[in-house]
Amino acid sequence: MTSTKPLTTPVSHTLPSPLGDITLELDGDALVKLSIHDGPAMSNASAPEHSLLAQIVEQLTEYFDGQRQGFDVPLALEGTAFQQDIWQALLDIPYGQTLSYGELGAAAGHPGSARAVGGAVGANPIPIIVPCHRVMGANGAITGYSGGSGIATKQWLLEKERSA
């Protein structure tokens, strides 16, 4: 089966952040990937060449400065129908609040699927903007995080939001 999606050349930009370097990748006119790199930021702050990347950089900077609680950028999240449901439910978790994996599954219309929800959360290609860091274990414990320095990155994001 061939894809009907038009082929485009991905455009990317790396910016320094308090979490380390963040690489943003566009495909067409939507963000498809955000990668948080482990370790201190090594890239220089530079202006992105694409206007949408500039908008995303501006919004991330405002978020890190405590001036933004949500994002308004076009996203292209590709995954299974189940992953799409979970990622959409992630977008509905309010800033500074958390849900358990089970609560997220129920909110997405998939009660009793906490383990599968964990897999979908871990596969989120656009962390921070699609706030997978707001999902906790059933007992409120910080569980895994696939971006940056792992749990330390998740903890930093949660503390940043709680202190705002």
N, C-alpha and C. Protein backbone atom coordinates (compact mmCIF):
# COMPACT_ATOMS: atom_id res chain seq x y z
N MET A 1 0.85 -1.18 0.00
CA MET A 1 0.00 0.00 0.00
C MET A 1 0.89 1.24 0.00
N THR A 2 0.63 2.16 -0.86
CA THR A 2 1.42 3.37 -0.92
C THR A 2 0.71 4.50 -0.20
N SER A 3 1.50 5.40 0.32
CA SER A 3 0.95 6.55 1.05
C SER A 3 0.51 7.61 0.07
N THR A 4 -0.60 8.26 0.40
CA THR A 4 -1.07 9.36 -0.44
C THR A 4 -0.57 10.69 0.08
N LYS A 5 0.18 10.67 1.17
CA LYS A 5 0.73 11.89 1.74
C LYS A 5 1.81 12.44 0.80
N PRO A 6 1.73 13.72 0.44
CA PRO A 6 2.76 14.26 -0.45
C PRO A 6 4.13 14.25 0.23
N LEU A 7 5.14 13.99 -0.59
CA LEU A 7 6.50 13.99 -0.05
C LEU A 7 6.99 15.42 0.11
N THR A 8 7.47 15.73 1.29
CA THR A 8 8.04 17.04 1.54
C THR A 8 9.40 16.85 2.19
N THR A 9 10.18 17.88 2.14
CA THR A 9 11.48 17.83 2.79
C THR A 9 11.33 18.35 4.20
N PRO A 10 11.61 17.52 5.20
CA PRO A 10 11.50 18.00 6.58
C PRO A 10 12.44 19.18 6.84
N VAL A 11 11.98 20.10 7.65
CA VAL A 11 12.77 21.27 8.04
C VAL A 11 12.94 21.18 9.54
N SER A 12 14.15 21.44 10.03
CA SER A 12 14.37 21.33 11.47
C SER A 12 15.14 22.53 11.99
N HIS A 13 15.08 22.67 13.30
CA HIS A 13 15.79 23.74 14.00
C HIS A 13 16.09 23.26 15.41
N THR A 14 17.28 23.53 15.89
CA THR A 14 17.66 23.17 17.25
C THR A 14 17.86 24.44 18.06
N LEU A 15 17.26 24.46 19.25
CA LEU A 15 17.37 25.62 20.12
C LEU A 15 17.82 25.20 21.50
N PRO A 16 18.57 26.08 22.17
CA PRO A 16 18.95 25.79 23.55
C PRO A 16 17.74 26.01 24.46
N SER A 17 17.65 25.22 25.53
CA SER A 17 16.57 25.39 26.50
C SER A 17 17.12 25.04 27.89
N PRO A 18 16.36 25.32 28.92
CA PRO A 18 16.80 24.94 30.27
C PRO A 18 16.94 23.42 30.44
N LEU A 19 16.34 22.65 29.54
CA LEU A 19 16.41 21.19 29.61
C LEU A 19 17.54 20.61 28.78
N GLY A 20 18.19 21.43 27.99
CA GLY A 20 19.18 20.97 27.01
C GLY A 20 18.70 21.39 25.63
N ASP A 21 19.39 20.96 24.62
CA ASP A 21 18.98 21.30 23.26
C ASP A 21 17.65 20.62 22.92
N ILE A 22 16.81 21.35 22.20
CA ILE A 22 15.55 20.83 21.69
C ILE A 22 15.57 20.96 20.18
N THR A 23 15.32 19.86 19.50
CA THR A 23 15.23 19.88 18.05
C THR A 23 13.77 19.75 17.64
N LEU A 24 13.35 20.68 16.79
CA LEU A 24 11.99 20.71 16.26
C LEU A 24 12.06 20.28 14.81
N GLU A 25 11.08 19.48 14.36
CA GLU A 25 11.05 19.05 12.98
C GLU A 25 9.66 19.27 12.39
N LEU A 26 9.64 19.97 11.28
CA LEU A 26 8.40 20.20 10.54
C LEU A 26 8.36 19.28 9.34
N ASP A 27 7.15 18.91 8.96
CA ASP A 27 6.92 18.25 7.69
C ASP A 27 5.75 18.98 7.08
N GLY A 28 6.00 19.73 6.04
CA GLY A 28 4.98 20.61 5.50
C GLY A 28 4.77 21.77 6.46
N ASP A 29 3.53 22.04 6.78
CA ASP A 29 3.21 23.17 7.66
C ASP A 29 2.73 22.70 9.03
N ALA A 30 3.39 21.67 9.58
CA ALA A 30 3.02 21.18 10.90
C ALA A 30 4.25 20.60 11.60
N LEU A 31 4.24 20.71 12.92
CA LEU A 31 5.29 20.12 13.75
C LEU A 31 5.03 18.62 13.83
N VAL A 32 6.04 17.82 13.52
CA VAL A 32 5.90 16.37 13.58
C VAL A 32 6.75 15.74 14.67
N LYS A 33 7.77 16.48 15.16
CA LYS A 33 8.65 15.89 16.16
C LYS A 33 9.32 16.98 16.99
N LEU A 34 9.43 16.72 18.28
CA LEU A 34 10.19 17.55 19.20
C LEU A 34 11.06 16.60 20.00
N SER A 35 12.36 16.78 19.92
CA SER A 35 13.31 15.92 20.64
C SER A 35 14.05 16.75 21.68
N ILE A 36 14.04 16.27 22.92
CA ILE A 36 14.80 16.90 24.00
C ILE A 36 16.07 16.09 24.16
N HIS A 37 17.21 16.72 23.94
CA HIS A 37 18.48 16.01 24.01
C HIS A 37 19.00 15.99 25.44
N ASP A 38 19.62 14.90 25.82
CA ASP A 38 20.17 14.74 27.15
C ASP A 38 21.40 15.62 27.32
N GLY A 39 21.53 16.24 28.48
CA GLY A 39 22.71 17.03 28.79
C GLY A 39 22.47 18.51 28.59
N PRO A 40 23.47 19.32 28.92
CA PRO A 40 23.31 20.77 28.80
C PRO A 40 23.19 21.21 27.34
N ALA A 41 22.56 22.37 27.16
CA ALA A 41 22.39 22.91 25.80
C ALA A 41 23.75 23.24 25.20
N MET A 42 23.93 22.82 23.97
CA MET A 42 25.18 23.07 23.26
C MET A 42 24.97 23.98 22.05
N SER A 43 23.74 24.09 21.58
CA SER A 43 23.48 24.90 20.39
C SER A 43 23.44 26.37 20.76
N ASN A 44 23.65 27.20 19.77
CA ASN A 44 23.55 28.64 19.95
C ASN A 44 22.12 29.08 19.64
N ALA A 45 21.67 30.09 20.33
CA ALA A 45 20.36 30.64 20.01
C ALA A 45 20.46 31.32 18.66
N SER A 46 19.65 30.88 17.73
CA SER A 46 19.65 31.48 16.39
C SER A 46 18.21 31.55 15.91
N ALA A 47 17.99 32.40 14.95
CA ALA A 47 16.65 32.56 14.40
C ALA A 47 16.36 31.44 13.41
N PRO A 48 15.23 30.77 13.58
CA PRO A 48 14.87 29.73 12.62
C PRO A 48 14.60 30.34 11.24
N GLU A 49 14.84 29.55 10.21
CA GLU A 49 14.62 30.04 8.85
C GLU A 49 13.18 29.92 8.40
N HIS A 50 12.37 29.16 9.10
CA HIS A 50 10.97 28.95 8.72
C HIS A 50 10.07 29.68 9.72
N SER A 51 9.04 30.36 9.22
CA SER A 51 8.19 31.18 10.10
C SER A 51 7.46 30.34 11.16
N LEU A 52 7.04 29.13 10.81
CA LEU A 52 6.38 28.28 11.80
C LEU A 52 7.36 27.85 12.89
N LEU A 53 8.58 27.54 12.50
CA LEU A 53 9.60 27.21 13.51
C LEU A 53 9.83 28.40 14.42
N ALA A 54 9.85 29.60 13.87
CA ALA A 54 10.02 30.80 14.69
C ALA A 54 8.88 30.94 15.69
N GLN A 55 7.66 30.65 15.26
CA GLN A 55 6.50 30.72 16.13
C GLN A 55 6.62 29.69 17.27
N ILE A 56 7.04 28.48 16.94
CA ILE A 56 7.18 27.43 17.94
C ILE A 56 8.28 27.78 18.93
N VAL A 57 9.41 28.28 18.44
CA VAL A 57 10.50 28.71 19.32
C VAL A 57 10.02 29.80 20.27
N GLU A 58 9.28 30.76 19.74
CA GLU A 58 8.76 31.85 20.57
C GLU A 58 7.84 31.29 21.67
N GLN A 59 6.95 30.38 21.31
CA GLN A 59 6.03 29.82 22.30
C GLN A 59 6.76 28.97 23.34
N LEU A 60 7.75 28.19 22.92
CA LEU A 60 8.53 27.40 23.88
C LEU A 60 9.30 28.31 24.83
N THR A 61 9.87 29.39 24.30
CA THR A 61 10.60 30.35 25.13
C THR A 61 9.66 30.97 26.16
N GLU A 62 8.47 31.34 25.73
CA GLU A 62 7.48 31.90 26.66
C GLU A 62 7.10 30.86 27.73
N TYR A 63 6.96 29.61 27.33
CA TYR A 63 6.64 28.53 28.27
C TYR A 63 7.75 28.41 29.32
N PHE A 64 8.98 28.35 28.87
CA PHE A 64 10.10 28.21 29.80
C PHE A 64 10.25 29.44 30.70
N ASP A 65 9.83 30.61 30.20
CA ASP A 65 9.89 31.85 31.00
C ASP A 65 8.68 32.00 31.92
N GLY A 66 7.76 31.03 31.91
CA GLY A 66 6.58 31.09 32.75
C GLY A 66 5.49 32.02 32.25
N GLN A 67 5.55 32.41 30.97
CA GLN A 67 4.58 33.34 30.40
C GLN A 67 3.55 32.65 29.51
N ARG A 68 3.62 31.33 29.36
CA ARG A 68 2.70 30.61 28.48
C ARG A 68 2.33 29.29 29.15
N GLN A 69 1.03 28.96 29.08
CA GLN A 69 0.56 27.71 29.66
C GLN A 69 0.05 26.71 28.63
N GLY A 70 -0.10 27.14 27.39
CA GLY A 70 -0.56 26.26 26.33
C GLY A 70 0.07 26.67 25.01
N PHE A 71 -0.07 25.83 24.03
CA PHE A 71 0.56 26.07 22.74
C PHE A 71 -0.50 26.13 21.64
N ASP A 72 -0.22 26.94 20.65
CA ASP A 72 -1.14 27.11 19.53
C ASP A 72 -0.34 26.98 18.24
N VAL A 73 0.05 25.77 17.93
CA VAL A 73 0.81 25.50 16.71
C VAL A 73 0.22 24.27 16.03
N PRO A 74 0.29 24.21 14.70
CA PRO A 74 -0.24 23.04 14.00
C PRO A 74 0.63 21.81 14.23
N LEU A 75 -0.03 20.71 14.58
CA LEU A 75 0.66 19.46 14.86
C LEU A 75 0.23 18.41 13.85
N ALA A 76 1.14 17.53 13.50
CA ALA A 76 0.82 16.36 12.68
C ALA A 76 1.32 15.14 13.44
N LEU A 77 0.43 14.56 14.21
CA LEU A 77 0.77 13.40 15.02
C LEU A 77 0.36 12.14 14.27
N GLU A 78 1.33 11.34 13.89
CA GLU A 78 1.02 10.11 13.16
C GLU A 78 1.19 8.92 14.09
N GLY A 79 0.13 8.14 14.19
CA GLY A 79 0.15 6.95 15.02
C GLY A 79 -1.13 6.18 14.84
N THR A 80 -1.29 5.13 15.62
CA THR A 80 -2.50 4.32 15.55
C THR A 80 -3.70 5.13 16.07
N ALA A 81 -4.89 4.62 15.83
CA ALA A 81 -6.09 5.29 16.34
C ALA A 81 -6.04 5.39 17.86
N PHE A 82 -5.56 4.34 18.52
CA PHE A 82 -5.44 4.36 19.98
C PHE A 82 -4.46 5.45 20.42
N GLN A 83 -3.29 5.52 19.79
CA GLN A 83 -2.31 6.56 20.13
C GLN A 83 -2.91 7.94 19.91
N GLN A 84 -3.61 8.12 18.81
CA GLN A 84 -4.23 9.42 18.52
C GLN A 84 -5.20 9.80 19.64
N ASP A 85 -6.00 8.83 20.10
CA ASP A 85 -6.94 9.10 21.20
C ASP A 85 -6.20 9.55 22.45
N ILE A 86 -5.12 8.86 22.77
CA ILE A 86 -4.34 9.17 23.99
C ILE A 86 -3.67 10.53 23.84
N TRP A 87 -3.07 10.79 22.70
CA TRP A 87 -2.38 12.08 22.50
C TRP A 87 -3.36 13.24 22.55
N GLN A 88 -4.57 13.04 22.01
CA GLN A 88 -5.58 14.09 22.09
C GLN A 88 -5.97 14.33 23.54
N ALA A 89 -6.12 13.26 24.31
CA ALA A 89 -6.46 13.40 25.73
C ALA A 89 -5.34 14.09 26.50
N LEU A 90 -4.09 13.87 26.10
CA LEU A 90 -2.97 14.58 26.74
C LEU A 90 -3.13 16.08 26.57
N LEU A 91 -3.56 16.49 25.39
CA LEU A 91 -3.72 17.93 25.12
C LEU A 91 -4.79 18.56 26.01
N ASP A 92 -5.67 17.74 26.57
CA ASP A 92 -6.74 18.25 27.42
C ASP A 92 -6.37 18.34 28.90
N ILE A 93 -5.18 17.85 29.29
CA ILE A 93 -4.77 17.94 30.69
C ILE A 93 -4.35 19.38 30.97
N PRO A 94 -5.00 20.05 31.91
CA PRO A 94 -4.67 21.45 32.18
C PRO A 94 -3.23 21.63 32.69
N TYR A 95 -2.69 22.77 32.36
CA TYR A 95 -1.35 23.19 32.81
C TYR A 95 -1.27 23.04 34.33
N GLY A 96 -0.19 22.45 34.82
CA GLY A 96 0.05 22.33 36.25
C GLY A 96 -0.72 21.20 36.92
N GLN A 97 -1.50 20.43 36.16
CA GLN A 97 -2.26 19.32 36.73
C GLN A 97 -1.73 18.01 36.16
N THR A 98 -2.06 16.91 36.83
CA THR A 98 -1.63 15.60 36.37
C THR A 98 -2.80 14.62 36.40
N LEU A 99 -2.66 13.56 35.64
CA LEU A 99 -3.58 12.42 35.65
C LEU A 99 -2.75 11.16 35.75
N SER A 100 -3.37 10.09 36.24
CA SER A 100 -2.70 8.79 36.20
C SER A 100 -2.90 8.20 34.80
N TYR A 101 -2.15 7.15 34.49
CA TYR A 101 -2.31 6.48 33.20
C TYR A 101 -3.73 5.94 33.06
N GLY A 102 -4.27 5.38 34.13
CA GLY A 102 -5.64 4.87 34.11
C GLY A 102 -6.66 5.97 33.88
N GLU A 103 -6.49 7.10 34.56
CA GLU A 103 -7.40 8.23 34.36
C GLU A 103 -7.32 8.76 32.94
N LEU A 104 -6.12 8.81 32.38
CA LEU A 104 -5.96 9.27 31.01
C LEU A 104 -6.65 8.32 30.04
N GLY A 105 -6.49 7.01 30.27
CA GLY A 105 -7.16 6.04 29.42
C GLY A 105 -8.67 6.20 29.46
N ALA A 106 -9.21 6.39 30.65
CA ALA A 106 -10.65 6.58 30.79
C ALA A 106 -11.09 7.86 30.09
N ALA A 107 -10.31 8.93 30.24
CA ALA A 107 -10.65 10.20 29.60
C ALA A 107 -10.62 10.09 28.08
N ALA A 108 -9.79 9.19 27.57
CA ALA A 108 -9.66 9.00 26.12
C ALA A 108 -10.66 7.98 25.59
N GLY A 109 -11.50 7.43 26.47
CA GLY A 109 -12.48 6.45 26.03
C GLY A 109 -11.97 5.03 26.04
N HIS A 110 -10.87 4.79 26.76
CA HIS A 110 -10.27 3.45 26.82
C HIS A 110 -10.03 3.06 28.28
N PRO A 111 -11.09 2.90 29.07
CA PRO A 111 -10.89 2.52 30.48
C PRO A 111 -10.24 1.15 30.60
N GLY A 112 -9.47 0.97 31.67
CA GLY A 112 -8.83 -0.31 31.92
C GLY A 112 -7.62 -0.58 31.04
N SER A 113 -7.06 0.44 30.43
CA SER A 113 -5.96 0.24 29.49
C SER A 113 -4.68 0.95 29.92
N ALA A 114 -4.46 1.04 31.23
CA ALA A 114 -3.32 1.84 31.73
C ALA A 114 -1.99 1.43 31.11
N ARG A 115 -1.75 0.13 30.97
CA ARG A 115 -0.47 -0.33 30.42
C ARG A 115 -0.32 0.12 28.96
N ALA A 116 -1.37 -0.04 28.17
CA ALA A 116 -1.33 0.40 26.76
C ALA A 116 -1.22 1.92 26.68
N VAL A 117 -1.87 2.62 27.61
CA VAL A 117 -1.76 4.08 27.66
C VAL A 117 -0.31 4.47 27.88
N GLY A 118 0.37 3.76 28.78
CA GLY A 118 1.79 4.04 29.02
C GLY A 118 2.62 3.91 27.76
N GLY A 119 2.32 2.92 26.94
CA GLY A 119 3.04 2.76 25.68
C GLY A 119 2.77 3.91 24.73
N ALA A 120 1.52 4.33 24.66
CA ALA A 120 1.17 5.45 23.77
C ALA A 120 1.80 6.75 24.26
N VAL A 121 1.77 6.97 25.58
CA VAL A 121 2.39 8.17 26.14
C VAL A 121 3.89 8.17 25.83
N GLY A 122 4.53 7.04 26.00
CA GLY A 122 5.96 6.94 25.72
C GLY A 122 6.32 7.13 24.26
N ALA A 123 5.35 6.90 23.36
CA ALA A 123 5.58 7.06 21.93
C ALA A 123 5.24 8.46 21.43
N ASN A 124 4.82 9.35 22.32
CA ASN A 124 4.46 10.72 21.94
C ASN A 124 5.65 11.40 21.24
N PRO A 125 5.48 11.80 19.97
CA PRO A 125 6.61 12.40 19.25
C PRO A 125 6.81 13.90 19.53
N ILE A 126 5.89 14.52 20.29
CA ILE A 126 5.99 15.97 20.50
C ILE A 126 5.81 16.28 22.00
N PRO A 127 6.77 15.84 22.83
CA PRO A 127 6.64 16.14 24.26
C PRO A 127 6.66 17.65 24.52
N ILE A 128 6.30 18.03 25.70
CA ILE A 128 6.12 19.40 26.17
C ILE A 128 4.85 19.99 25.55
N ILE A 129 4.80 20.11 24.23
CA ILE A 129 3.63 20.69 23.57
C ILE A 129 2.43 19.74 23.71
N VAL A 130 2.65 18.46 23.51
CA VAL A 130 1.66 17.43 23.84
C VAL A 130 2.15 16.89 25.19
N PRO A 131 1.56 17.38 26.30
CA PRO A 131 2.19 17.30 27.62
C PRO A 131 2.15 15.92 28.30
N CYS A 132 2.92 15.00 27.77
CA CYS A 132 2.99 13.66 28.36
C CYS A 132 3.63 13.67 29.75
N HIS A 133 4.34 14.75 30.09
CA HIS A 133 4.94 14.84 31.42
C HIS A 133 3.90 14.97 32.52
N ARG A 134 2.65 15.23 32.16
CA ARG A 134 1.58 15.41 33.13
C ARG A 134 0.90 14.09 33.52
N VAL A 135 1.49 12.96 33.12
CA VAL A 135 0.91 11.66 33.43
C VAL A 135 1.80 10.96 34.46
N MET A 136 1.14 10.50 35.53
CA MET A 136 1.84 9.91 36.67
C MET A 136 1.36 8.47 36.89
N GLY A 137 2.09 7.76 37.75
CA GLY A 137 1.65 6.44 38.16
C GLY A 137 0.38 6.55 39.00
N ALA A 138 -0.31 5.44 39.19
CA ALA A 138 -1.57 5.43 39.93
C ALA A 138 -1.40 5.95 41.36
N ASN A 139 -0.23 5.77 41.93
CA ASN A 139 0.03 6.23 43.30
C ASN A 139 0.60 7.65 43.34
N GLY A 140 0.61 8.33 42.20
CA GLY A 140 1.12 9.69 42.12
C GLY A 140 2.61 9.78 41.89
N ALA A 141 3.27 8.64 41.78
CA ALA A 141 4.72 8.63 41.59
C ALA A 141 5.09 9.02 40.16
N ILE A 142 6.23 9.68 40.05
CA ILE A 142 6.76 10.01 38.72
C ILE A 142 7.34 8.72 38.15
N THR A 143 6.76 8.32 37.03
CA THR A 143 7.25 7.12 36.36
C THR A 143 8.16 7.56 35.22
N GLY A 144 8.41 6.75 34.25
CA GLY A 144 9.36 7.04 33.20
C GLY A 144 9.05 8.26 32.36
N TYR A 145 10.07 8.69 31.63
CA TYR A 145 9.95 9.78 30.68
C TYR A 145 11.02 9.56 29.64
N SER A 146 10.65 9.61 28.37
CA SER A 146 11.59 9.26 27.31
C SER A 146 12.41 10.42 26.78
N GLY A 147 12.12 11.65 27.19
CA GLY A 147 12.84 12.80 26.65
C GLY A 147 13.96 13.26 27.56
N GLY A 148 14.96 13.87 26.97
CA GLY A 148 16.04 14.50 27.72
C GLY A 148 16.72 13.57 28.69
N SER A 149 16.75 13.97 29.95
CA SER A 149 17.39 13.18 31.01
C SER A 149 16.40 12.28 31.73
N GLY A 150 15.32 11.90 31.06
CA GLY A 150 14.35 10.97 31.61
C GLY A 150 13.53 11.58 32.74
N ILE A 151 13.47 10.88 33.86
CA ILE A 151 12.65 11.31 34.99
C ILE A 151 13.05 12.70 35.48
N ALA A 152 14.32 13.03 35.44
CA ALA A 152 14.76 14.37 35.88
C ALA A 152 14.13 15.45 35.00
N THR A 153 13.99 15.19 33.71
CA THR A 153 13.36 16.15 32.80
C THR A 153 11.88 16.28 33.13
N LYS A 154 11.22 15.15 33.34
CA LYS A 154 9.79 15.16 33.69
C LYS A 154 9.58 15.93 35.00
N GLN A 155 10.41 15.66 35.97
CA GLN A 155 10.30 16.34 37.27
C GLN A 155 10.50 17.85 37.11
N TRP A 156 11.46 18.27 36.30
CA TRP A 156 11.71 19.69 36.07
C TRP A 156 10.47 20.35 35.46
N LEU A 157 9.88 19.70 34.45
CA LEU A 157 8.69 20.27 33.80
C LEU A 157 7.53 20.39 34.77
N LEU A 158 7.30 19.36 35.59
CA LEU A 158 6.22 19.39 36.58
C LEU A 158 6.44 20.48 37.60
N GLU A 159 7.66 20.61 38.10
CA GLU A 159 7.96 21.64 39.09
C GLU A 159 7.81 23.04 38.49
N LYS A 160 8.21 23.21 37.24
CA LYS A 160 8.09 24.49 36.54
C LYS A 160 6.61 24.89 36.48
N GLU A 161 5.77 23.94 36.12
CA GLU A 161 4.34 24.26 36.02
C GLU A 161 3.69 24.50 37.39
N ARG A 162 4.10 23.74 38.38
CA ARG A 162 3.52 23.92 39.71
C ARG A 162 3.91 25.24 40.34
N SER A 163 5.07 25.76 39.99
CA SER A 163 5.56 26.99 40.61
C SER A 163 5.04 28.25 39.89
N ALA A 164 4.39 28.05 38.74
CA ALA A 164 3.92 29.21 37.96
C ALA A 164 2.68 29.84 38.57
